[in-house]
Amino acid sequence: MQAAVPVTEVAERWPVAVNLLAGSLLGAGAGASWAVRMRSTTLYKELAALMVLMAAALVVTHTTTLDTLALPLWAQVPGGMVAGFGIGVVAAIMGVPAASC
């Protein structure tokens, strides 16, 4: 079953989306730079470690109930940037293509 998120809900959280986007763009650039300079064996080890971490995260989130993280506004901006940077690095190392201007 597929569900759509109402535009109003997305619009209410636009600062989160902007922070994640800004951080992920920076992270994608850094991750792509690191990935092309890595030796193949190192890159394969990194990919294996990332997949194990993602599997562990899926197990935890599907077997336990996690509360939402309510950060104050002053912590949301740097937190979003850091999270976005990490997302961008992981995406780039895993080979997710990014659109370029």
C-alpha atoms as a PDB file:
ATOM      1  CA  MET A   1       0.000   0.000   0.000  1.00  0.00           C
ATOM      2  CA  GLN A   2       1.326   3.389  -0.939  1.00  0.00           C
ATOM      3  CA  ALA A   3       0.468   6.576   0.929  1.00  0.00           C
ATOM      4  CA  ALA A   4       1.103  10.190   0.088  1.00  0.00           C
ATOM      5  CA  VAL A   5       2.293  12.805   2.544  1.00  0.00           C
ATOM      6  CA  PRO A   6       0.176  15.966   2.352  1.00  0.00           C
ATOM      7  CA  VAL A   7       2.024  19.026   1.070  1.00  0.00           C
ATOM      8  CA  THR A   8       1.032  20.952   4.194  1.00  0.00           C
ATOM      9  CA  GLU A   9       2.936  18.487   6.401  1.00  0.00           C
ATOM     10  CA  VAL A  10       6.033  18.785   4.241  1.00  0.00           C
ATOM     11  CA  ALA A  11       5.735  22.589   4.184  1.00  0.00           C
ATOM     12  CA  GLU A  12       5.593  22.692   7.986  1.00  0.00           C
ATOM     13  CA  ARG A  13       8.984  20.990   8.139  1.00  0.00           C
ATOM     14  CA  TRP A  14      10.788  22.940   5.420  1.00  0.00           C
ATOM     15  CA  PRO A  15      13.691  23.992   7.711  1.00  0.00           C
ATOM     16  CA  VAL A  16      14.519  20.330   8.341  1.00  0.00           C
ATOM     17  CA  ALA A  17      14.485  19.555   4.623  1.00  0.00           C
ATOM     18  CA  VAL A  18      16.701  22.555   3.806  1.00  0.00           C
ATOM     19  CA  ASN A  19      19.243  21.632   6.518  1.00  0.00           C
ATOM     20  CA  LEU A  20      19.396  18.018   5.400  1.00  0.00           C
ATOM     21  CA  LEU A  21      19.726  19.052   1.769  1.00  0.00           C
ATOM     22  CA  ALA A  22      22.528  21.524   2.447  1.00  0.00           C
ATOM     23  CA  GLY A  23      24.452  19.008   4.514  1.00  0.00           C
ATOM     24  CA  SER A  24      23.902  16.172   2.063  1.00  0.00           C
ATOM     25  CA  LEU A  25      25.205  18.214  -0.870  1.00  0.00           C
ATOM     26  CA  LEU A  26      28.417  18.931   1.022  1.00  0.00           C
ATOM     27  CA  GLY A  27      28.639  15.312   2.165  1.00  0.00           C
ATOM     28  CA  ALA A  28      28.077  13.956  -1.341  1.00  0.00           C
ATOM     29  CA  GLY A  29      30.978  16.016  -2.649  1.00  0.00           C
ATOM     30  CA  ALA A  30      33.260  14.877   0.164  1.00  0.00           C
ATOM     31  CA  GLY A  31      32.156  11.243  -0.091  1.00  0.00           C
ATOM     32  CA  ALA A  32      32.663  11.119  -3.855  1.00  0.00           C
ATOM     33  CA  SER A  33      36.121  12.612  -3.456  1.00  0.00           C
ATOM     34  CA  TRP A  34      37.031  10.024  -0.823  1.00  0.00           C
ATOM     35  CA  ALA A  35      35.532   7.126  -2.791  1.00  0.00           C
ATOM     36  CA  VAL A  36      37.547   7.789  -5.951  1.00  0.00           C
ATOM     37  CA  ARG A  37      40.799   8.026  -3.974  1.00  0.00           C
ATOM     38  CA  MET A  38      40.240   4.791  -1.994  1.00  0.00           C
ATOM     39  CA  ARG A  39      41.795   1.523  -3.006  1.00  0.00           C
ATOM     40  CA  SER A  40      39.237  -1.023  -4.184  1.00  0.00           C
ATOM     41  CA  THR A  41      39.759  -3.313  -1.193  1.00  0.00           C
ATOM     42  CA  THR A  42      39.266  -0.428   1.241  1.00  0.00           C
ATOM     43  CA  LEU A  43      36.132   0.685  -0.577  1.00  0.00           C
ATOM     44  CA  TYR A  44      34.692  -2.854  -0.449  1.00  0.00           C
ATOM     45  CA  LYS A  45      35.389  -3.035   3.290  1.00  0.00           C
ATOM     46  CA  GLU A  46      33.697   0.342   3.799  1.00  0.00           C
ATOM     47  CA  LEU A  47      30.665  -0.821   1.810  1.00  0.00           C
ATOM     48  CA  ALA A  48      30.446  -4.035   3.826  1.00  0.00           C
ATOM     49  CA  ALA A  49      30.622  -2.098   7.104  1.00  0.00           C
ATOM     50  CA  LEU A  50      27.928   0.327   5.934  1.00  0.00           C
ATOM     51  CA  MET A  51      25.620  -2.543   4.971  1.00  0.00           C
ATOM     52  CA  VAL A  52      26.096  -4.215   8.358  1.00  0.00           C
ATOM     53  CA  LEU A  53      25.324  -0.922  10.122  1.00  0.00           C
ATOM     54  CA  MET A  54      22.198  -0.396   8.003  1.00  0.00           C
ATOM     55  CA  ALA A  55      21.018  -3.937   8.719  1.00  0.00           C
ATOM     56  CA  ALA A  56      21.530  -3.358  12.452  1.00  0.00           C
ATOM     57  CA  ALA A  57      19.601  -0.074  12.256  1.00  0.00           C
ATOM     58  CA  LEU A  58      16.732  -1.827  10.470  1.00  0.00           C
ATOM     59  CA  VAL A  59      16.614  -4.551  13.114  1.00  0.00           C
ATOM     60  CA  VAL A  60      16.596  -2.007  15.953  1.00  0.00           C
ATOM     61  CA  THR A  61      13.912   0.182  14.404  1.00  0.00           C
ATOM     62  CA  HIS A  62      11.672  -2.782  13.603  1.00  0.00           C
ATOM     63  CA  THR A  63      11.977  -4.500  16.983  1.00  0.00           C
ATOM     64  CA  THR A  64      11.809  -1.534  19.370  1.00  0.00           C
ATOM     65  CA  THR A  65       9.771   1.615  19.711  1.00  0.00           C
ATOM     66  CA  LEU A  66      11.800   4.785  19.439  1.00  0.00           C
ATOM     67  CA  ASP A  67      10.554   8.143  20.647  1.00  0.00           C
ATOM     68  CA  THR A  68      10.907  11.193  18.440  1.00  0.00           C
ATOM     69  CA  LEU A  69      13.865  13.453  19.034  1.00  0.00           C
ATOM     70  CA  ALA A  70      12.559  16.906  19.884  1.00  0.00           C
ATOM     71  CA  LEU A  71      15.504  19.249  19.518  1.00  0.00           C
ATOM     72  CA  PRO A  72      15.313  22.963  20.240  1.00  0.00           C
ATOM     73  CA  LEU A  73      15.538  25.183  17.161  1.00  0.00           C
ATOM     74  CA  TRP A  74      19.135  26.221  17.890  1.00  0.00           C
ATOM     75  CA  ALA A  75      20.179  22.548  17.752  1.00  0.00           C
ATOM     76  CA  GLN A  76      18.110  21.611  14.699  1.00  0.00           C
ATOM     77  CA  VAL A  77      20.238  23.543  12.202  1.00  0.00           C
ATOM     78  CA  PRO A  78      23.649  22.071  13.095  1.00  0.00           C
ATOM     79  CA  GLY A  79      22.061  18.674  13.775  1.00  0.00           C
ATOM     80  CA  GLY A  80      20.398  18.679  10.370  1.00  0.00           C
ATOM     81  CA  MET A  81      23.612  19.735   8.666  1.00  0.00           C
ATOM     82  CA  VAL A  82      25.620  16.990  10.387  1.00  0.00           C
ATOM     83  CA  ALA A  83      22.986  14.344   9.640  1.00  0.00           C
ATOM     84  CA  GLY A  84      22.736  15.530   6.037  1.00  0.00           C
ATOM     85  CA  PHE A  85      26.520  15.454   5.663  1.00  0.00           C
ATOM     86  CA  GLY A  86      26.586  11.856   6.885  1.00  0.00           C
ATOM     87  CA  ILE A  87      23.759  10.909   4.543  1.00  0.00           C
ATOM     88  CA  GLY A  88      25.586  12.510   1.621  1.00  0.00           C
ATOM     89  CA  VAL A  89      28.866  10.748   2.408  1.00  0.00           C
ATOM     90  CA  VAL A  90      27.184   7.347   2.713  1.00  0.00           C
ATOM     91  CA  ALA A  91      25.207   7.889  -0.497  1.00  0.00           C
ATOM     92  CA  ALA A  92      28.297   8.918  -2.439  1.00  0.00           C
ATOM     93  CA  ILE A  93      30.429   6.042  -1.153  1.00  0.00           C
ATOM     94  CA  MET A  94      27.657   3.596  -2.032  1.00  0.00           C
ATOM     95  CA  GLY A  95      27.522   5.031  -5.549  1.00  0.00           C
ATOM     96  CA  VAL A  96      24.175   6.810  -5.457  1.00  0.00           C
ATOM     97  CA  PRO A  97      24.302   9.243  -8.381  1.00  0.00           C
ATOM     98  CA  ALA A  98      23.632  12.903  -7.636  1.00  0.00           C
ATOM     99  CA  ALA A  99      22.195  15.413 -10.055  1.00  0.00           C
ATOM    100  CA  SER A 100      24.645  18.113 -11.041  1.00  0.00           C
ATOM    101  CA  CYS A 101      23.895  21.577 -12.309  1.00  0.00           C
END
